[in-house]
Each structure stands twice: as C-alpha cells, then as structure tokens.
C-alpha cells in the first residue's frame, strides 16, 4: 500500500497561503493553473492582479480596512 503524497500549506497572518509545489489550481470558473515552483503563494485578500497567485497587494491595505 502506498502512502499518499502530502502537500504542506502554511497560512501567513494577513498574507497569502504558502503551498509546497508543484501545484495545479482549479479556479472557480473551472480553468486550471499550474506552477512548478517549490513554494507557491496563493492570494487570500482578493486584491492580487495575478490571482490566484499573490502579488503582495495585501501589503498596501490591511484586510478589515475596506
């Protein structure tokens, strides 16, 4: 019996989710995006222009200040 591969996800306070890659992300419209990087930062603030990837837009305005 093989052991399933586990991906580590780290939640950064007031920041993105860091996911050990490579990863394939299925977006809400059904499209898929792939990254072969060893760590991928996924946007959680919804301000990123490169969504679903983080572009550090969260640094300009803290969540809750909307």
PDB file of N, CA and C in Angstrom:
ATOM      1  N   UNK A   1       0.847  -1.172   0.000  1.00  0.00           N
ATOM      2  CA  UNK A   1       0.000   0.000   0.000  1.00  0.00           C
ATOM      3  C   UNK A   1       0.898   1.242   0.000  1.00  0.00           C
ATOM      4  N   UNK A   2       0.629   2.169  -0.915  1.00  0.00           N
ATOM      5  CA  UNK A   2       1.441   3.383  -0.983  1.00  0.00           C
ATOM      6  C   UNK A   2       0.858   4.472  -0.090  1.00  0.00           C
ATOM      7  N   UNK A   3       1.742   5.301   0.415  1.00  0.00           N
ATOM      8  CA  UNK A   3       1.335   6.416   1.269  1.00  0.00           C
ATOM      9  C   UNK A   3       1.041   7.611   0.372  1.00  0.00           C
ATOM     10  N   UNK A   4      -0.128   8.255   0.531  1.00  0.00           N
ATOM     11  CA  UNK A   4      -0.439   9.413  -0.308  1.00  0.00           C
ATOM     12  C   UNK A   4       0.531  10.558  -0.056  1.00  0.00           C
ATOM     13  N   UNK A   5       0.854  11.292  -1.123  1.00  0.00           N
ATOM     14  CA  UNK A   5       1.744  12.436  -1.001  1.00  0.00           C
ATOM     15  C   UNK A   5       1.016  13.567  -0.269  1.00  0.00           C
ATOM     16  N   UNK A   6       1.689  14.181   0.663  1.00  0.00           N
ATOM     17  CA  UNK A   6       1.095  15.258   1.463  1.00  0.00           C
ATOM     18  C   UNK A   6       1.741  16.578   1.051  1.00  0.00           C
ATOM     19  N   UNK A   7       0.914  17.566   0.763  1.00  0.00           N
ATOM     20  CA  UNK A   7       1.402  18.910   0.462  1.00  0.00           C
ATOM     21  C   UNK A   7       1.245  19.749   1.717  1.00  0.00           C
ATOM     22  N   UNK A   8       2.257  20.498   2.049  1.00  0.00           N
ATOM     23  CA  UNK A   8       2.187  21.382   3.216  1.00  0.00           C
ATOM     24  C   UNK A   8       1.637  22.731   2.783  1.00  0.00           C
ATOM     25  N   UNK A   9       0.664  23.251   3.546  1.00  0.00           N
ATOM     26  CA  UNK A   9       0.084  24.570   3.325  1.00  0.00           C
ATOM     27  C   UNK A   9       0.300  25.373   4.597  1.00  0.00           C
ATOM     28  N   UNK A  10       0.895  26.571   4.448  1.00  0.00           N
ATOM     29  CA  UNK A  10       1.174  27.431   5.595  1.00  0.00           C
ATOM     30  C   UNK A  10       0.374  28.710   5.448  1.00  0.00           C
ATOM     31  N   UNK A  11      -0.408  29.045   6.466  1.00  0.00           N
ATOM     32  CA  UNK A  11      -1.181  30.274   6.449  1.00  0.00           C
ATOM     33  C   UNK A  11      -0.333  31.392   7.047  1.00  0.00           C
ATOM     34  N   UNK A  12      -0.149  32.477   6.287  1.00  0.00           N
ATOM     35  CA  UNK A  12       0.616  33.636   6.748  1.00  0.00           C
ATOM     36  C   UNK A  12      -0.371  34.673   7.269  1.00  0.00           C
ATOM     37  N   UNK A  13      -0.181  35.113   8.517  1.00  0.00           N
ATOM     38  CA  UNK A  13      -1.085  36.103   9.103  1.00  0.00           C
ATOM     39  C   UNK A  13      -1.122  37.354   8.232  1.00  0.00           C
ATOM     40  N   UNK A  14      -2.318  37.791   7.863  1.00  0.00           N
ATOM     41  CA  UNK A  14      -2.522  38.958   6.989  1.00  0.00           C
ATOM     42  C   UNK A  14      -1.807  38.817   5.655  1.00  0.00           C
ATOM     43  N   UNK A  15      -1.639  37.594   5.194  1.00  0.00           N
ATOM     44  CA  UNK A  15      -0.943  37.368   3.936  1.00  0.00           C
ATOM     45  C   UNK A  15      -1.501  36.183   3.184  1.00  0.00           C
ATOM     46  N   UNK A  16      -0.684  35.619   2.302  1.00  0.00           N
ATOM     47  CA  UNK A  16      -1.140  34.539   1.440  1.00  0.00           C
ATOM     48  C   UNK A  16      -1.065  33.168   2.118  1.00  0.00           C
ATOM     49  N   UNK A  17      -1.561  32.172   1.411  1.00  0.00           N
ATOM     50  CA  UNK A  17      -1.326  30.783   1.771  1.00  0.00           C
ATOM     51  C   UNK A  17      -0.100  30.337   1.002  1.00  0.00           C
ATOM     52  N   UNK A  18       0.859  29.742   1.681  1.00  0.00           N
ATOM     53  CA  UNK A  18       2.057  29.217   1.028  1.00  0.00           C
ATOM     54  C   UNK A  18       1.867  27.717   0.861  1.00  0.00           C
ATOM     55  N   UNK A  19       1.941  27.241  -0.381  1.00  0.00           N
ATOM     56  CA  UNK A  19       1.717  25.840  -0.691  1.00  0.00           C
ATOM     57  C   UNK A  19       2.987  25.275  -1.300  1.00  0.00           C
ATOM     58  N   UNK A  20       3.452  24.152  -0.759  1.00  0.00           N
ATOM     59  CA  UNK A  20       4.617  23.484  -1.350  1.00  0.00           C
ATOM     60  C   UNK A  20       4.219  22.950  -2.706  1.00  0.00           C
ATOM     61  N   UNK A  21       4.999  23.269  -3.713  1.00  0.00           N
ATOM     62  CA  UNK A  21       4.681  22.898  -5.084  1.00  0.00           C
ATOM     63  C   UNK A  21       5.430  21.668  -5.532  1.00  0.00           C
ATOM     64  N   UNK A  22       5.263  21.307  -6.774  1.00  0.00           N
ATOM     65  CA  UNK A  22       4.408  21.963  -7.764  1.00  0.00           C
ATOM     66  C   UNK A  22       2.929  21.750  -7.442  1.00  0.00           C
ATOM     67  N   UNK A  23       2.106  22.682  -7.951  1.00  0.00           N
ATOM     68  CA  UNK A  23       0.676  22.604  -7.694  1.00  0.00           C
ATOM     69  C   UNK A  23      -0.113  22.858  -8.966  1.00  0.00           C
ATOM     70  N   UNK A  24      -1.319  22.328  -8.986  1.00  0.00           N
ATOM     71  CA  UNK A  24      -2.292  22.633 -10.025  1.00  0.00           C
ATOM     72  C   UNK A  24      -3.513  23.164  -9.305  1.00  0.00           C
ATOM     73  N   UNK A  25      -3.973  24.339  -9.700  1.00  0.00           N
ATOM     74  CA  UNK A  25      -5.076  25.015  -9.025  1.00  0.00           C
ATOM     75  C   UNK A  25      -6.273  25.052  -9.963  1.00  0.00           C
ATOM     76  N   UNK A  26      -7.406  24.571  -9.489  1.00  0.00           N
ATOM     77  CA  UNK A  26      -8.658  24.660 -10.240  1.00  0.00           C
ATOM     78  C   UNK A  26      -9.383  25.897  -9.733  1.00  0.00           C
ATOM     79  N   UNK A  27      -9.599  26.859 -10.638  1.00  0.00           N
ATOM     80  CA  UNK A  27     -10.240  28.115 -10.262  1.00  0.00           C
ATOM     81  C   UNK A  27     -11.754  27.977 -10.288  1.00  0.00           C
ATOM     82  N   UNK A  28     -12.459  28.984  -9.760  1.00  0.00           N
ATOM     83  CA  UNK A  28     -13.915  28.894  -9.654  1.00  0.00           C
ATOM     84  C   UNK A  28     -14.614  28.816 -11.003  1.00  0.00           C
ATOM     85  N   UNK A  29     -13.956  29.252 -12.081  1.00  0.00           N
ATOM     86  CA  UNK A  29     -14.568  29.157 -13.415  1.00  0.00           C
ATOM     87  C   UNK A  29     -14.219  27.841 -14.111  1.00  0.00           C
ATOM     88  N   UNK A  30     -13.501  26.956 -13.418  1.00  0.00           N
ATOM     89  CA  UNK A  30     -13.168  25.650 -13.964  1.00  0.00           C
ATOM     90  C   UNK A  30     -11.825  25.576 -14.674  1.00  0.00           C
ATOM     91  N   UNK A  31     -11.188  26.722 -14.913  1.00  0.00           N
ATOM     92  CA  UNK A  31      -9.875  26.700 -15.556  1.00  0.00           C
ATOM     93  C   UNK A  31      -8.829  26.227 -14.552  1.00  0.00           C
ATOM     94  N   UNK A  32      -7.745  25.677 -15.064  1.00  0.00           N
ATOM     95  CA  UNK A  32      -6.661  25.238 -14.197  1.00  0.00           C
ATOM     96  C   UNK A  32      -5.409  26.029 -14.473  1.00  0.00           C
ATOM     97  N   UNK A  33      -4.663  26.277 -13.421  1.00  0.00           N
ATOM     98  CA  UNK A  33      -3.390  26.987 -13.488  1.00  0.00           C
ATOM     99  C   UNK A  33      -2.369  26.099 -12.799  1.00  0.00           C
ATOM    100  N   UNK A  34      -1.183  25.958 -13.384  1.00  0.00           N
ATOM    101  CA  UNK A  34      -0.151  25.113 -12.810  1.00  0.00           C
ATOM    102  C   UNK A  34       1.091  25.950 -12.497  1.00  0.00           C
ATOM    103  N   UNK A  35       1.728  25.625 -11.391  1.00  0.00           N
ATOM    104  CA  UNK A  35       3.005  26.239 -11.046  1.00  0.00           C
ATOM    105  C   UNK A  35       3.965  25.137 -10.631  1.00  0.00           C
ATOM    106  N   UNK A  36       5.155  25.173 -11.181  1.00  0.00           N
ATOM    107  CA  UNK A  36       6.184  24.193 -10.851  1.00  0.00           C
ATOM    108  C   UNK A  36       7.159  24.710  -9.800  1.00  0.00           C
ATOM    109  N   UNK A  37       6.881  25.857  -9.223  1.00  0.00           N
ATOM    110  CA  UNK A  37       7.760  26.415  -8.189  1.00  0.00           C
ATOM    111  C   UNK A  37       7.726  25.537  -6.947  1.00  0.00           C
ATOM    112  N   UNK A  38       8.777  25.592  -6.135  1.00  0.00           N
ATOM    113  CA  UNK A  38       8.834  24.754  -4.941  1.00  0.00           C
ATOM    114  C   UNK A  38       7.926  25.265  -3.828  1.00  0.00           C
ATOM    115  N   UNK A  39       7.614  26.569  -3.833  1.00  0.00           N
ATOM    116  CA  UNK A  39       6.617  27.139  -2.926  1.00  0.00           C
ATOM    117  C   UNK A  39       5.807  28.156  -3.723  1.00  0.00           C
ATOM    118  N   UNK A  40       4.487  28.076  -3.589  1.00  0.00           N
ATOM    119  CA  UNK A  40       3.588  28.959  -4.313  1.00  0.00           C
ATOM    120  C   UNK A  40       2.792  29.765  -3.293  1.00  0.00           C
ATOM    121  N   UNK A  41       2.711  31.087  -3.494  1.00  0.00           N
ATOM    122  CA  UNK A  41       1.924  31.957  -2.624  1.00  0.00           C
ATOM    123  C   UNK A  41       0.575  32.203  -3.285  1.00  0.00           C
ATOM    124  N   UNK A  42      -0.498  31.766  -2.607  1.00  0.00           N
ATOM    125  CA  UNK A  42      -1.847  31.939  -3.130  1.00  0.00           C
ATOM    126  C   UNK A  42      -2.535  33.091  -2.410  1.00  0.00           C
ATOM    127  N   UNK A  43      -3.126  33.982  -3.186  1.00  0.00           N
ATOM    128  CA  UNK A  43      -3.784  35.170  -2.655  1.00  0.00           C
ATOM    129  C   UNK A  43      -5.006  34.798  -1.826  1.00  0.00           C
ATOM    130  N   UNK A  44      -5.156  35.445  -0.679  1.00  0.00           N
ATOM    131  CA  UNK A  44      -6.353  35.284   0.146  1.00  0.00           C
ATOM    132  C   UNK A  44      -7.078  36.619   0.356  1.00  0.00           C
ATOM    133  N   UNK A  45      -6.479  37.734  -0.078  1.00  0.00           N
ATOM    134  CA  UNK A  45      -7.087  39.051   0.145  1.00  0.00           C
ATOM    135  C   UNK A  45      -7.955  39.504  -1.023  1.00  0.00           C
ATOM    136  N   UNK A  46      -7.860  38.811  -2.145  1.00  0.00           N
ATOM    137  CA  UNK A  46      -8.630  39.121  -3.361  1.00  0.00           C
ATOM    138  C   UNK A  46      -8.227  40.443  -4.010  1.00  0.00           C
ATOM    139  N   UNK A  47      -7.040  40.933  -3.716  1.00  0.00           N
ATOM    140  CA  UNK A  47      -6.557  42.170  -4.332  1.00  0.00           C
ATOM    141  C   UNK A  47      -5.513  41.919  -5.413  1.00  0.00           C
ATOM    142  N   UNK A  48      -5.025  40.705  -5.514  1.00  0.00           N
ATOM    143  CA  UNK A  48      -3.937  40.388  -6.435  1.00  0.00           C
ATOM    144  C   UNK A  48      -4.360  40.532  -7.894  1.00  0.00           C
ATOM    145  N   UNK A  49      -3.514  41.155  -8.667  1.00  0.00           N
ATOM    146  CA  UNK A  49      -3.750  41.258 -10.115  1.00  0.00           C
ATOM    147  C   UNK A  49      -3.283  40.003 -10.833  1.00  0.00           C
ATOM    148  N   UNK A  50      -2.593  39.134 -10.110  1.00  0.00           N
ATOM    149  CA  UNK A  50      -2.100  37.889 -10.705  1.00  0.00           C
ATOM    150  C   UNK A  50      -2.808  36.680 -10.086  1.00  0.00           C
ATOM    151  N   UNK A  51      -4.031  36.898  -9.602  1.00  0.00           N
ATOM    152  CA  UNK A  51      -4.804  35.815  -8.952  1.00  0.00           C
ATOM    153  C   UNK A  51      -4.841  34.576  -9.842  1.00  0.00           C
ATOM    154  N   UNK A  52      -4.716  33.403  -9.253  1.00  0.00           N
ATOM    155  CA  UNK A  52      -4.823  33.090  -7.843  1.00  0.00           C
ATOM    156  C   UNK A  52      -3.516  33.270  -7.073  1.00  0.00           C
ATOM    157  N   UNK A  53      -2.469  33.731  -7.753  1.00  0.00           N
ATOM    158  CA  UNK A  53      -1.172  33.891  -7.101  1.00  0.00           C
ATOM    159  C   UNK A  53      -1.080  35.254  -6.427  1.00  0.00           C
ATOM    160  N   UNK A  54      -0.349  35.315  -5.327  1.00  0.00           N
ATOM    161  CA  UNK A  54      -0.181  36.546  -4.568  1.00  0.00           C
ATOM    162  C   UNK A  54       0.821  37.473  -5.263  1.00  0.00           C
ATOM    163  N   UNK A  55       0.484  38.761  -5.331  1.00  0.00           N
ATOM    164  CA  UNK A  55       1.422  39.757  -5.858  1.00  0.00           C
ATOM    165  C   UNK A  55       1.776  40.788  -4.786  1.00  0.00           C
ATOM    166  N   UNK A  56       1.521  40.462  -3.535  1.00  0.00           N
ATOM    167  CA  UNK A  56       1.770  41.286  -2.336  1.00  0.00           C
ATOM    168  C   UNK A  56       0.861  42.516  -2.242  1.00  0.00           C
ATOM    169  N   UNK A  57      -0.256  42.523  -2.950  1.00  0.00           N
ATOM    170  CA  UNK A  57      -1.209  43.634  -2.853  1.00  0.00           C
ATOM    171  C   UNK A  57      -1.741  43.805  -1.445  1.00  0.00           C
ATOM    172  N   UNK A  58      -1.770  42.734  -0.655  1.00  0.00           N
ATOM    173  CA  UNK A  58      -2.278  42.805   0.721  1.00  0.00           C
ATOM    174  C   UNK A  58      -1.449  43.743   1.587  1.00  0.00           C
ATOM    175  N   UNK A  59      -0.235  44.026   1.178  1.00  0.00           N
ATOM    176  CA  UNK A  59       0.620  44.914   1.979  1.00  0.00           C
ATOM    177  C   UNK A  59       0.171  46.362   1.912  1.00  0.00           C
ATOM    178  N   UNK A  60      -0.531  46.747   0.863  1.00  0.00           N
ATOM    179  CA  UNK A  60      -0.951  48.132   0.683  1.00  0.00           C
ATOM    180  C   UNK A  60      -2.139  48.500   1.569  1.00  0.00           C
ATOM    181  N   UNK A  61      -2.988  47.514   1.881  1.00  0.00           N
ATOM    182  CA  UNK A  61      -4.180  47.798   2.680  1.00  0.00           C
ATOM    183  C   UNK A  61      -4.508  46.546   3.485  1.00  0.00           C
ATOM    184  N   UNK A  62      -4.582  46.691   4.781  1.00  0.00           N
ATOM    185  CA  UNK A  62      -4.835  45.557   5.663  1.00  0.00           C
ATOM    186  C   UNK A  62      -6.296  45.154   5.573  1.00  0.00           C
ATOM    187  N   UNK A  63      -6.553  43.844   5.508  1.00  0.00           N
ATOM    188  CA  UNK A  63      -7.927  43.335   5.458  1.00  0.00           C
ATOM    189  C   UNK A  63      -8.697  43.845   6.662  1.00  0.00           C
ATOM    190  N   UNK A  64      -9.935  44.225   6.432  1.00  0.00           N
ATOM    191  CA  UNK A  64     -10.746  44.777   7.504  1.00  0.00           C
ATOM    192  C   UNK A  64     -10.829  46.285   7.429  1.00  0.00           C
ATOM    193  N   UNK A  65      -9.940  46.904   6.632  1.00  0.00           N
ATOM    194  CA  UNK A  65      -9.944  48.350   6.452  1.00  0.00           C
ATOM    195  C   UNK A  65     -10.788  48.767   5.261  1.00  0.00           C
ATOM    196  N   UNK A  66     -11.510  47.811   4.646  1.00  0.00           N
ATOM    197  CA  UNK A  66     -12.293  48.107   3.435  1.00  0.00           C
ATOM    198  C   UNK A  66     -13.388  49.100   3.677  1.00  0.00           C
TER     199      UNK A  66
END
